[in-house]
Protein backbone atom coordinates (compact mmCIF):
# COMPACT_ATOMS: atom_id res chain seq x y z
CA MET A 1 127.50 -26.36 -120.88
CA PHE A 2 129.72 -29.23 -120.58
CA LYS A 3 127.22 -31.59 -118.90
CA ARG A 4 125.93 -32.60 -122.81
CA PHE A 5 129.64 -34.17 -123.25
CA TYR A 6 129.18 -36.12 -120.67
CA PRO A 7 128.16 -39.49 -121.89
CA LEU A 8 130.56 -39.05 -124.99
CA LEU A 9 133.56 -38.70 -122.57
CA ILE A 10 132.45 -41.12 -120.12
CA THR A 11 132.62 -43.55 -123.57
CA LEU A 12 135.44 -42.70 -124.88
CA LEU A 13 137.47 -42.52 -121.83
CA PHE A 14 136.28 -45.87 -121.22
CA ILE A 15 137.35 -47.13 -124.46
CA THR A 16 140.48 -45.75 -124.37
CA THR A 17 141.64 -47.00 -120.26
CA SER A 18 140.39 -50.66 -121.68
CA LEU A 19 142.49 -51.47 -124.42
CA ASN A 20 145.36 -53.65 -123.38
CA ALA A 21 147.66 -56.05 -124.26
CA GLN A 22 145.47 -58.75 -126.26
CA THR A 23 144.05 -59.68 -130.32
CA VAL A 24 140.81 -59.43 -130.40
CA ILE A 25 138.19 -60.07 -133.65
CA ALA A 26 136.18 -56.50 -132.98
CA LYS A 27 133.38 -56.47 -133.92
CA TYR A 28 132.56 -52.88 -136.05
CA ALA A 29 135.77 -51.86 -135.71
CA GLY A 30 135.84 -50.89 -139.25
CA GLU A 31 132.16 -49.60 -139.06
CA PHE A 32 133.55 -46.01 -139.92
CA MET A 33 134.47 -47.04 -143.11
CA ALA A 34 130.89 -48.61 -144.42
CA LEU A 35 129.23 -45.36 -144.30
CA GLY A 36 129.39 -44.83 -148.48
CA VAL A 37 130.28 -42.09 -150.78
CA GLY A 38 129.35 -40.61 -153.50
CA GLY A 39 126.07 -38.81 -153.99
CA ARG A 40 124.87 -41.22 -156.70
CA ALA A 41 125.84 -44.39 -154.68
CA LEU A 42 124.26 -42.86 -151.27
CA GLY A 43 120.85 -41.83 -153.00
CA MET A 44 120.90 -45.47 -154.34
CA GLY A 45 120.91 -46.66 -150.75
CA GLY A 46 124.48 -47.66 -150.98
CA ALA A 47 123.33 -50.88 -153.89
CA PHE A 48 126.48 -49.92 -155.73
CA THR A 49 128.39 -53.35 -156.05
CA ALA A 50 127.22 -53.92 -159.55
CA VAL A 51 126.34 -50.45 -159.99
CA ALA A 52 129.90 -48.66 -159.99
CA ASN A 53 131.90 -47.78 -162.67
CA ASP A 54 133.52 -44.39 -161.94
CA VAL A 55 136.09 -43.24 -159.61
CA THR A 56 134.20 -44.33 -156.47
CA SER A 57 134.86 -47.78 -157.70
CA GLY A 58 137.93 -47.94 -155.76
CA TYR A 59 135.48 -47.86 -152.33
CA TYR A 60 132.60 -49.82 -153.65
CA ASN A 61 134.07 -52.42 -155.97
CA PRO A 62 137.81 -52.26 -157.19
CA ALA A 63 137.14 -53.90 -159.76
CA GLY A 64 134.55 -51.23 -162.00
CA LEU A 65 137.60 -49.12 -161.63
CA ALA A 66 138.63 -50.81 -165.41
CA SER A 67 135.41 -49.18 -166.52
CA ILE A 68 136.97 -45.60 -166.55
CA ASN A 69 138.32 -44.65 -170.28
CA TYR A 70 139.13 -41.10 -168.52
CA PRO A 71 141.30 -39.69 -165.32
CA GLN A 72 138.40 -38.88 -162.85
CA LEU A 73 138.71 -36.80 -159.50
CA ALA A 74 135.73 -36.90 -156.58
CA LEU A 75 135.05 -34.89 -153.54
CA MET A 76 132.45 -35.15 -151.09
CA HIS A 77 131.72 -33.60 -147.54
CA SER A 78 129.37 -33.84 -144.80
CA GLU A 79 128.32 -32.75 -141.63
CA GLN A 80 126.30 -36.25 -139.54
CA PHE A 81 124.13 -35.37 -136.29
CA GLY A 82 124.09 -31.72 -137.00
CA ASN A 83 127.49 -30.63 -137.10
CA LEU A 84 129.02 -32.84 -134.94
CA VAL A 85 130.56 -35.31 -137.08
CA ASN A 86 132.79 -34.54 -140.30
CA TYR A 87 132.89 -37.14 -142.56
CA ASP A 88 135.13 -36.41 -146.21
CA TYR A 89 136.20 -38.50 -149.03
CA GLY A 90 138.52 -37.68 -152.16
CA ALA A 91 139.81 -40.38 -154.67
CA VAL A 92 141.07 -40.34 -158.06
CA ALA A 93 141.94 -42.53 -160.85
CA ILE A 94 143.59 -42.72 -163.86
CA PRO A 95 143.12 -45.47 -167.15
CA TYR A 96 146.46 -47.22 -168.14
CA SER A 97 147.37 -48.68 -171.07
CA SER A 98 144.29 -50.41 -172.60
CA ASN A 99 143.50 -52.60 -169.74
CA MET A 100 144.06 -51.22 -166.41
CA SER A 101 143.37 -48.73 -163.91
CA PHE A 102 145.01 -47.17 -160.86
CA GLY A 103 143.08 -44.78 -157.80
CA LEU A 104 143.45 -43.36 -154.58
CA SER A 105 140.70 -42.74 -152.22
CA VAL A 106 140.79 -41.16 -148.96
CA LEU A 107 138.54 -41.47 -145.99
CA ARG A 108 138.47 -39.45 -143.28
CA LEU A 109 135.63 -39.10 -140.24
CA GLY A 110 136.52 -36.91 -137.39
CA VAL A 111 134.62 -35.30 -134.27
CA ASP A 112 136.79 -32.69 -133.24
CA GLY A 113 137.03 -30.34 -130.61
CA ILE A 114 136.04 -32.72 -127.62
CA PRO A 115 136.73 -31.02 -124.01
CA ASP A 116 138.75 -33.18 -121.91
CA THR A 117 137.60 -33.05 -118.77
CA ARG A 118 140.04 -35.54 -117.13
CA ASN A 119 141.87 -32.76 -115.32
CA ALA A 120 139.21 -30.39 -114.53
CA LEU A 121 137.49 -33.14 -112.33
CA TYR A 122 140.57 -32.22 -109.85
CA ASP A 123 139.84 -29.42 -107.32
CA ALA A 124 142.24 -26.59 -108.05
CA ASN A 125 142.61 -26.28 -104.41
CA GLY A 126 143.92 -29.67 -104.04
CA ASP A 127 140.61 -30.98 -101.92
CA GLY A 128 140.79 -34.15 -104.32
CA ILE A 129 138.56 -35.69 -107.14
CA ILE A 130 134.90 -33.41 -107.93
CA ASP A 131 131.86 -35.64 -108.13
CA ILE A 132 131.38 -35.91 -112.11
CA ASN A 133 127.67 -35.20 -111.55
CA ASP A 134 128.79 -31.94 -109.65
CA ASP A 135 128.60 -28.69 -111.45
CA ARG A 136 132.02 -28.04 -110.52
CA LEU A 137 134.89 -28.34 -113.03
CA ASP A 138 138.03 -26.10 -113.07
CA TYR A 139 137.51 -24.74 -116.52
CA SER A 140 141.15 -23.77 -116.69
CA ARG A 141 142.10 -27.23 -116.86
CA ILE A 142 139.77 -28.11 -119.90
CA THR A 143 141.44 -29.14 -123.31
CA GLU A 144 140.18 -30.75 -126.38
CA PHE A 145 141.29 -33.30 -128.34
CA SER A 146 139.87 -35.02 -131.44
CA ASN A 147 138.87 -38.33 -132.97
CA GLN A 148 140.21 -38.70 -136.04
CA ASP A 149 140.01 -42.40 -138.38
CA TRP A 150 141.52 -42.05 -142.07
CA ALA A 151 141.68 -45.08 -144.62
CA PHE A 152 143.79 -44.79 -147.83
CA TYR A 153 142.61 -47.05 -150.56
CA LEU A 154 145.46 -47.98 -153.28
CA THR A 155 143.72 -49.42 -156.10
CA PHE A 156 144.53 -51.76 -159.03
CA ALA A 157 141.84 -52.74 -161.80
CA LYS A 158 142.08 -54.79 -164.81
CA ARG A 159 139.84 -55.72 -167.82
CA GLN A 160 140.65 -59.41 -168.14
CA THR A 161 137.92 -59.79 -170.92
CA ASP A 162 135.55 -57.27 -172.50
CA ASN A 163 133.00 -58.54 -169.55
CA PHE A 164 134.99 -59.32 -167.33
CA TYR A 165 137.31 -57.03 -164.63
CA TRP A 166 138.88 -57.58 -161.39
CA GLY A 167 140.65 -55.31 -159.19
CA VAL A 168 142.18 -55.15 -155.80
CA ASN A 169 142.81 -52.97 -153.07
CA ALA A 170 145.52 -52.31 -150.62
CA LYS A 171 144.04 -50.47 -147.05
CA ILE A 172 145.83 -48.37 -144.90
CA ILE A 173 143.83 -47.74 -141.42
CA ARG A 174 144.64 -45.08 -139.15
CA ARG A 175 142.75 -44.08 -135.95
CA ASP A 176 143.53 -41.27 -133.08
CA LEU A 177 141.76 -40.92 -130.12
CA ALA A 178 143.31 -38.15 -127.72
CA GLU A 179 146.84 -39.63 -127.17
CA TYR A 180 146.27 -43.36 -128.31
CA GLY A 181 146.76 -43.98 -132.04
CA ALA A 182 146.36 -47.52 -134.05
CA THR A 183 147.25 -48.26 -137.88
CA GLY A 184 146.15 -51.07 -139.89
CA ILE A 185 146.44 -52.69 -142.97
CA GLY A 186 144.09 -54.54 -145.04
CA PHE A 187 142.97 -55.91 -148.66
CA ASP A 188 140.25 -55.95 -150.71
CA VAL A 189 139.25 -58.08 -153.86
CA GLY A 190 136.47 -57.24 -156.22
CA ALA A 191 135.18 -58.70 -159.36
CA PHE A 192 132.75 -57.27 -162.43
CA TYR A 193 130.85 -59.33 -164.65
CA ARG A 194 128.23 -58.77 -167.30
CA PRO A 195 126.87 -62.33 -168.73
CA ILE A 196 124.16 -60.38 -170.95
CA GLU A 197 123.74 -56.99 -172.23
CA ASN A 198 122.54 -54.44 -169.75
CA LEU A 199 122.89 -56.98 -166.52
CA PHE A 200 125.79 -56.34 -163.98
CA LEU A 201 127.05 -58.19 -161.33
CA GLY A 202 129.73 -57.30 -158.66
CA ALA A 203 131.15 -58.87 -156.10
CA ASN A 204 133.64 -57.34 -153.04
CA LEU A 205 135.05 -59.22 -150.44
CA GLN A 206 136.48 -56.78 -147.99
CA ASP A 207 139.13 -57.01 -145.72
CA ALA A 208 140.00 -60.18 -147.41
CA THR A 209 142.91 -61.35 -145.19
CA THR A 210 141.18 -60.19 -142.24
CA THR A 211 142.59 -56.41 -141.17
CA LEU A 212 145.18 -56.07 -138.08
CA VAL A 213 144.68 -52.75 -136.72
CA ALA A 214 147.31 -52.19 -133.93
CA TRP A 215 147.27 -49.69 -131.26
CA SER A 216 149.92 -47.77 -129.39
CA THR A 217 148.10 -49.53 -125.89
CA GLY A 218 149.74 -53.03 -127.48
CA ARG A 219 145.71 -54.34 -127.88
CA ASN A 220 145.24 -55.63 -131.39
CA GLU A 221 142.17 -55.46 -133.28
CA LEU A 222 141.08 -57.86 -136.07
CA ILE A 223 138.40 -56.64 -138.57
CA SER A 224 136.55 -59.80 -140.33
CA PRO A 225 135.80 -60.37 -144.15
CA THR A 226 132.50 -58.98 -145.11
CA LEU A 227 131.43 -60.43 -148.68
CA LYS A 228 129.23 -58.04 -150.61
CA VAL A 229 127.23 -59.05 -153.57
CA GLY A 230 124.93 -56.85 -156.17
CA GLY A 231 123.20 -57.29 -159.19
CA ALA A 232 121.82 -54.92 -161.26
CA TYR A 233 119.80 -54.84 -164.94
CA LYS A 234 119.52 -51.49 -166.62
CA PHE A 235 116.35 -50.97 -168.85
CA VAL A 236 116.99 -48.71 -171.84
CA GLU A 237 114.80 -46.78 -173.85
CA ILE A 238 112.01 -46.00 -171.16
CA LEU A 239 110.94 -42.44 -171.05
CA GLY A 240 114.15 -40.72 -173.15
CA GLY A 241 116.36 -42.58 -170.59
CA TYR A 242 117.08 -45.53 -168.58
CA ILE A 243 115.94 -47.23 -165.35
CA MET A 244 118.31 -49.38 -163.62
CA PRO A 245 117.05 -51.11 -160.18
CA ALA A 246 120.00 -52.33 -158.10
CA LEU A 247 120.22 -54.98 -154.80
CA ASP A 248 123.10 -55.54 -152.42
CA PHE A 249 123.55 -58.00 -149.73
CA ASP A 250 126.60 -57.65 -147.16
CA ILE A 251 127.38 -60.85 -146.05
CA ARG A 252 129.11 -60.74 -142.88
CA PHE A 253 130.72 -63.07 -139.82
CA GLU A 254 130.75 -61.23 -136.57
CA ASN A 255 127.55 -62.69 -135.42
CA ARG A 256 125.45 -59.58 -135.67
CA ARG A 257 122.24 -61.32 -134.71
CA TYR A 258 120.18 -57.93 -133.98
CA ALA A 259 121.79 -55.78 -135.64
CA SER A 260 121.22 -56.92 -139.09
CA ASN A 261 118.23 -57.56 -141.20
CA PHE A 262 118.68 -61.58 -140.83
CA ASN A 263 121.26 -64.27 -139.73
CA ILE A 264 121.55 -67.64 -139.81
CA GLY A 265 123.88 -68.33 -136.85
CA PRO A 266 126.94 -66.09 -136.72
CA VAL A 267 126.72 -65.54 -140.57
CA SER A 268 124.43 -62.03 -140.84
CA PHE A 269 122.83 -60.49 -144.20
CA ASP A 270 122.04 -56.86 -144.49
CA MET A 271 120.50 -55.69 -147.74
CA LYS A 272 120.48 -52.54 -149.69
CA ALA A 273 118.11 -51.65 -152.29
CA GLY A 274 117.57 -48.89 -154.75
CA PHE A 275 117.28 -47.55 -158.15
CA GLU A 276 118.20 -45.33 -160.80
CA TYR A 277 116.37 -42.88 -163.54
CA CYS A 278 118.48 -41.15 -166.18
CA PHE A 279 116.85 -38.61 -168.73
CA LYS A 280 119.45 -38.82 -171.88
CA ASN A 281 122.49 -39.02 -169.85
CA ILE A 282 122.16 -35.31 -168.25
CA VAL A 283 119.69 -35.57 -165.37
CA SER A 284 118.97 -38.48 -162.85
CA VAL A 285 116.82 -39.29 -159.98
CA ARG A 286 117.40 -41.95 -157.30
CA ALA A 287 115.81 -43.45 -154.53
CA GLY A 288 116.77 -46.52 -152.43
CA TYR A 289 116.63 -48.23 -148.75
CA ASN A 290 119.87 -49.11 -147.11
CA ASP A 291 121.33 -51.61 -144.65
CA ILE A 292 120.72 -49.27 -141.50
CA LYS A 293 116.57 -49.01 -142.71
CA GLN A 294 117.03 -45.56 -143.86
CA PHE A 295 115.05 -44.36 -147.31
CA THR A 296 117.13 -42.30 -149.05
CA ILE A 297 116.61 -40.26 -152.61
CA GLY A 298 118.95 -38.37 -154.81
CA ALA A 299 119.34 -36.73 -157.39
CA GLY A 300 122.21 -35.70 -160.12
CA ILE A 301 122.92 -33.72 -163.19
CA LYS A 302 125.80 -34.52 -165.91
CA LEU A 303 127.44 -31.18 -167.46
CA PRO A 304 130.70 -31.18 -169.48
CA LYS A 305 133.27 -32.89 -167.70
CA LEU A 306 131.43 -32.20 -164.23
CA ASN A 307 129.28 -34.49 -162.37
CA ILE A 308 126.72 -33.21 -159.06
CA ASP A 309 125.01 -35.47 -157.18
CA TYR A 310 123.12 -34.99 -154.45
CA SER A 311 121.46 -37.19 -151.66
CA PHE A 312 119.42 -37.23 -148.65
CA ALA A 313 118.66 -39.84 -145.84
CA ARG A 314 116.47 -39.29 -142.44
CA PHE A 315 117.28 -41.16 -139.77
CA SER A 316 114.02 -41.15 -137.95
CA GLU A 317 110.33 -40.64 -138.92
CA SER A 318 109.60 -39.59 -135.05
CA GLU A 319 109.85 -36.14 -134.54
CA ILE A 320 110.53 -36.11 -130.61
CA ASP A 321 113.81 -38.45 -131.04
CA ARG A 322 114.83 -37.71 -134.78
CA LEU A 323 118.23 -36.74 -135.30
CA PRO A 324 119.42 -34.30 -137.94
CA ASP A 325 119.36 -34.95 -141.74
CA THR A 326 122.01 -35.92 -143.46
CA HIS A 327 122.74 -34.23 -146.89
CA ARG A 328 125.68 -35.36 -149.03
CA ILE A 329 126.69 -33.40 -152.31
CA SER A 330 129.50 -34.84 -154.60
CA LEU A 331 131.48 -33.72 -157.21
CA MET A 332 133.00 -35.88 -160.20
CA LEU A 333 135.59 -34.08 -162.51
CA THR A 334 136.27 -36.03 -165.62
CA LEU A 335 139.20 -34.92 -167.79
CA GLU A 336 137.27 -36.12 -171.06
CA GLU A 337 139.79 -34.96 -173.58
CA PRO A 338 140.96 -37.15 -176.69
CA ARG A 339 144.71 -36.56 -175.22
CA PHE A 340 143.78 -38.48 -172.17
CA LEU A 341 141.86 -41.10 -173.76
CA ARG A 342 142.77 -44.84 -172.75
CA ASP A 343 144.73 -46.79 -175.34
CA GLY A 344 142.65 -48.67 -177.73
CA VAL A 345 139.57 -46.83 -177.12
CA GLN A 346 137.69 -45.32 -179.96
C-alpha cells in the first residue's frame, strides 16, 4: 500500500538531503503563495489586482484594503488533488480613522500523514538496507510527518486621495518538512488608481525587496520580485446589474521560459482574465482563465452581512490523466452596522 508514496518520498528526501549551506535564487520557492484565495477572485481566474476591494485585498493588492468601510472577516478551505493537499485561508480587516485600514491574512498549505519509510528500509534482523523496489518493509518502523507552508500577511493601506490608494504588506513565511524548517520575511507594495469613473487600475509588487527564506540546514533561498498589474472596467445598468471584465499580468524575473504564457529573455509573463456579472448586488456569476491554463467558473450570493462565493476549476479535459476537480467555497462576514462604519463616511 505504500508503493504509491515512493515517488513522493524519494522527492522529499532528495530535497531535504540536498539542502546545504548556500544562498540561491530559488525558482518557485514562493509558489505556495500563488494559489489564490476567495471564491470571488478564483471564479474570475484570479484576475483581481484591480478589482480587490474587500478583506481579500490583503492577499491580492494591499492598496485595495483602503476600500473597506466596515470590519470584515473571510474564511476558505479547499482540498486539492482529491484530499491529498489541504489549503486554508483566513483574514480579518479593520478600517481606521477616515483613510486607513489594517489587516491580517493567514495561509496554510499542508500535506499531512506522509509515511516516513527511511528507517523501515532497514531489515529488522540487521541484514542491511532493503531494496526500495522490494515489498519487504519493516512496517513497525514507519512513522508519519507533515509538509506545511504558512504565510502571514500584515497589511496597511491608505486612501491618499479619493481615486488613489496605496498599501504595503509585511509577510512572514514558515515552512516545515519533516525535521527541517525554514523562516522568511518579505514585503509587498501595492497601488490602486481610478482615472475615470468605473475604470480601475491596480499594481502589486510582491517580494519587493527579494524575500529571504532561511532553512535550518543553512541553505538560504531568495524569492524574486513579481510585479502584478491589472485593469478592470464596470459596465453598469446592464440586465439589472453590472458586467465587469478584468485582465491581469504577472511579470516575473525567474527565467520561467517554458512554464509561462510567454517570455522576453529571463522575464516571463502570465495572463489571467475574468469577468463578473452581478444582478442587483445580490447574485453574481463569474468565469475566467488563469495562468495555469485553467478555465474557471463561479457564483456568489450576498446575504445580509454575509457573502458566500464558490469557484470551480478543472485541471485537464482528458479523462485518462485528469486530476480531481477543485471546488472552493469562501465566506466573508461584514460587520455592516452604523457603530462600525468608517469615520467620515455618510
